[in-house]
């Protein structure tokens, strides 16, 4: 029985290496992003560059 458990564990490990399962918590962005701040007027315009803002 231990042999089958090890074989199953090995098979799952290989499968995860080749085709990992999607985990949304790894890709979840916490908080509003810069696009939301631009819409709210907290950041400079999207077309503005660093030099035009700080020169």
C-alpha atoms as a PDB file:
ATOM      1  CA  UNK A   1       0.000   0.000   0.000  1.00  0.00           C
ATOM      2  CA  UNK A   2       2.846   2.414   0.769  1.00  0.00           C
ATOM      3  CA  UNK A   3       4.190   1.842  -2.737  1.00  0.00           C
ATOM      4  CA  UNK A   4       0.907   3.044  -4.303  1.00  0.00           C
ATOM      5  CA  UNK A   5       0.849   6.108  -2.056  1.00  0.00           C
ATOM      6  CA  UNK A   6       4.378   7.055  -3.089  1.00  0.00           C
ATOM      7  CA  UNK A   7       3.567   6.404  -6.748  1.00  0.00           C
ATOM      8  CA  UNK A   8       0.447   8.581  -6.546  1.00  0.00           C
ATOM      9  CA  UNK A   9       2.365  11.356  -4.770  1.00  0.00           C
ATOM     10  CA  UNK A  10       5.088  11.242  -7.428  1.00  0.00           C
ATOM     11  CA  UNK A  11       2.506  11.362 -10.228  1.00  0.00           C
ATOM     12  CA  UNK A  12       0.765  14.389  -8.679  1.00  0.00           C
ATOM     13  CA  UNK A  13       4.097  16.176  -8.209  1.00  0.00           C
ATOM     14  CA  UNK A  14       5.055  15.616 -11.847  1.00  0.00           C
ATOM     15  CA  UNK A  15       1.635  16.783 -13.032  1.00  0.00           C
ATOM     16  CA  UNK A  16       1.859  19.970 -10.941  1.00  0.00           C
ATOM     17  CA  UNK A  17       5.315  20.652 -12.359  1.00  0.00           C
ATOM     18  CA  UNK A  18       4.164  20.232 -15.967  1.00  0.00           C
ATOM     19  CA  UNK A  19       0.709  21.840 -15.700  1.00  0.00           C
ATOM     20  CA  UNK A  20       0.216  23.674 -12.411  1.00  0.00           C
ATOM     21  CA  UNK A  21      -3.304  24.271 -11.180  1.00  0.00           C
ATOM     22  CA  UNK A  22      -4.605  27.840 -11.113  1.00  0.00           C
ATOM     23  CA  UNK A  23      -4.576  29.408  -7.672  1.00  0.00           C
ATOM     24  CA  UNK A  24      -6.382  32.765  -7.727  1.00  0.00           C
ATOM     25  CA  UNK A  25      -4.935  33.860  -4.389  1.00  0.00           C
ATOM     26  CA  UNK A  26      -1.499  33.977  -6.024  1.00  0.00           C
ATOM     27  CA  UNK A  27      -2.744  36.463  -8.620  1.00  0.00           C
ATOM     28  CA  UNK A  28      -5.056  38.579  -6.478  1.00  0.00           C
ATOM     29  CA  UNK A  29      -4.161  42.258  -6.461  1.00  0.00           C
ATOM     30  CA  UNK A  30      -4.852  43.788  -3.080  1.00  0.00           C
ATOM     31  CA  UNK A  31      -6.215  47.304  -3.167  1.00  0.00           C
ATOM     32  CA  UNK A  32      -7.056  49.608  -6.046  1.00  0.00           C
ATOM     33  CA  UNK A  33      -4.552  49.912  -8.845  1.00  0.00           C
ATOM     34  CA  UNK A  34      -3.078  52.978 -10.543  1.00  0.00           C
ATOM     35  CA  UNK A  35      -5.891  53.125 -13.135  1.00  0.00           C
ATOM     36  CA  UNK A  36      -8.419  53.617 -10.336  1.00  0.00           C
ATOM     37  CA  UNK A  37      -6.313  56.414  -8.844  1.00  0.00           C
ATOM     38  CA  UNK A  38      -6.043  58.099 -12.263  1.00  0.00           C
ATOM     39  CA  UNK A  39      -9.828  58.029 -12.626  1.00  0.00           C
ATOM     40  CA  UNK A  40     -10.178  59.582  -9.192  1.00  0.00           C
ATOM     41  CA  UNK A  41      -7.681  62.340 -10.022  1.00  0.00           C
ATOM     42  CA  UNK A  42      -5.063  61.280  -7.483  1.00  0.00           C
ATOM     43  CA  UNK A  43      -2.318  60.541 -10.042  1.00  0.00           C
ATOM     44  CA  UNK A  44      -1.099  62.586 -13.010  1.00  0.00           C
ATOM     45  CA  UNK A  45      -2.681  61.988 -16.404  1.00  0.00           C
ATOM     46  CA  UNK A  46      -1.848  58.724 -18.187  1.00  0.00           C
ATOM     47  CA  UNK A  47      -0.200  60.652 -21.050  1.00  0.00           C
ATOM     48  CA  UNK A  48       2.088  62.546 -18.710  1.00  0.00           C
ATOM     49  CA  UNK A  49       5.708  61.486 -18.511  1.00  0.00           C
ATOM     50  CA  UNK A  50       8.096  61.735 -15.575  1.00  0.00           C
ATOM     51  CA  UNK A  51       9.966  64.649 -17.138  1.00  0.00           C
ATOM     52  CA  UNK A  52       6.830  66.657 -17.954  1.00  0.00           C
ATOM     53  CA  UNK A  53       5.524  66.275 -14.409  1.00  0.00           C
ATOM     54  CA  UNK A  54       8.741  66.865 -12.447  1.00  0.00           C
ATOM     55  CA  UNK A  55      10.568  69.397 -14.652  1.00  0.00           C
END
